[in-house]
Amino acid sequence: MSRVSDFLMNQAGAAPGRPPPLAAVHRYRDAVARAPRNREARHGLGVALAAAGDAAGAVQELLRALQIDPTNH
């Protein structure tokens, strides 16, 4: 994973004061765009999409994360 996608993932899930769900979605999408085979980015995007109310998108991204690494759940 690139340093940029690492940074974006850290920003998307940063605590305290986590960003609103839509901000996290945008940041995780940026991370996925830079590292599409990154399981953690896909998982984070799925969780952010669920928090933003996009259940179908969340399931799709979580399934993609499992496809990338089915042993890591």
Protein backbone atom coordinates (compact mmCIF):
# COMPACT_ATOMS: atom_id res chain seq x y z
CA MET A 1 0.00 0.00 0.00
CA SER A 2 1.24 3.47 -0.77
CA ARG A 3 2.02 6.08 1.84
CA VAL A 4 -0.80 8.22 0.44
CA SER A 5 -3.38 5.46 0.84
CA ASP A 6 -2.04 4.81 4.37
CA PHE A 7 -2.53 8.48 5.18
CA LEU A 8 -6.04 8.54 3.72
CA MET A 9 -7.06 5.44 5.66
CA ASN A 10 -5.69 6.91 8.88
CA GLN A 11 -7.59 10.14 8.26
CA ALA A 12 -10.81 8.27 7.46
CA GLY A 13 -10.80 6.37 10.74
CA ALA A 14 -8.95 8.84 12.92
CA ALA A 15 -10.08 9.22 16.51
CA PRO A 16 -10.93 11.24 18.52
CA GLY A 17 -13.55 13.24 16.69
CA ARG A 18 -13.97 10.82 13.82
CA PRO A 19 -15.16 12.49 10.64
CA PRO A 20 -18.82 12.28 9.67
CA PRO A 21 -19.64 9.06 7.78
CA LEU A 22 -19.71 10.74 4.36
CA ALA A 23 -16.28 12.28 4.92
CA ALA A 24 -14.95 8.84 5.87
CA VAL A 25 -16.57 7.35 2.76
CA HIS A 26 -14.78 9.89 0.56
CA ARG A 27 -11.43 9.27 2.24
CA TYR A 28 -11.73 5.49 2.04
CA ARG A 29 -12.78 5.75 -1.62
CA ASP A 30 -9.62 7.74 -2.24
CA ALA A 31 -7.59 5.04 -0.47
CA VAL A 32 -9.29 2.28 -2.50
CA ALA A 33 -8.68 4.19 -5.73
CA ARG A 34 -4.96 4.29 -4.90
CA ALA A 35 -4.75 0.70 -3.64
CA PRO A 36 -7.71 -1.31 -4.99
CA ARG A 37 -6.36 -4.64 -3.70
CA ASN A 38 -5.97 -3.39 -0.13
CA ARG A 39 -8.25 -5.40 2.13
CA GLU A 40 -8.15 -2.88 4.97
CA ALA A 41 -9.18 -0.02 2.67
CA ARG A 42 -12.08 -2.06 1.27
CA HIS A 43 -13.18 -3.08 4.77
CA GLY A 44 -12.98 0.50 6.02
CA LEU A 45 -15.01 1.69 3.06
CA GLY A 46 -17.63 -0.97 3.79
CA VAL A 47 -17.90 0.09 7.41
CA ALA A 48 -18.07 3.78 6.45
CA LEU A 49 -20.77 3.07 3.85
CA ALA A 50 -22.80 1.19 6.46
CA ALA A 51 -22.48 4.13 8.87
CA ALA A 52 -23.61 6.46 6.07
CA GLY A 53 -26.70 4.32 5.47
CA ASP A 54 -25.62 2.62 2.22
CA ALA A 55 -26.20 -1.01 3.16
CA ALA A 56 -25.90 -2.36 -0.40
CA GLY A 57 -22.61 -0.53 -0.98
CA ALA A 58 -21.34 -1.69 2.40
CA VAL A 59 -22.05 -5.34 1.64
CA GLN A 60 -20.39 -5.02 -1.77
CA GLU A 61 -17.18 -3.57 -0.31
CA LEU A 62 -17.07 -6.03 2.58
CA LEU A 63 -17.43 -8.91 0.14
CA ARG A 64 -14.62 -7.45 -1.98
CA ALA A 65 -12.45 -7.29 1.14
CA LEU A 66 -13.14 -10.98 1.77
CA GLN A 67 -12.35 -11.84 -1.84
CA ILE A 68 -8.97 -10.15 -1.50
CA ASP A 69 -8.10 -12.07 1.65
CA PRO A 70 -10.64 -14.70 2.69
CA THR A 71 -8.52 -15.83 5.63
CA ASN A 72 -8.54 -12.41 7.32
CA HIS A 73 -11.91 -11.73 8.88
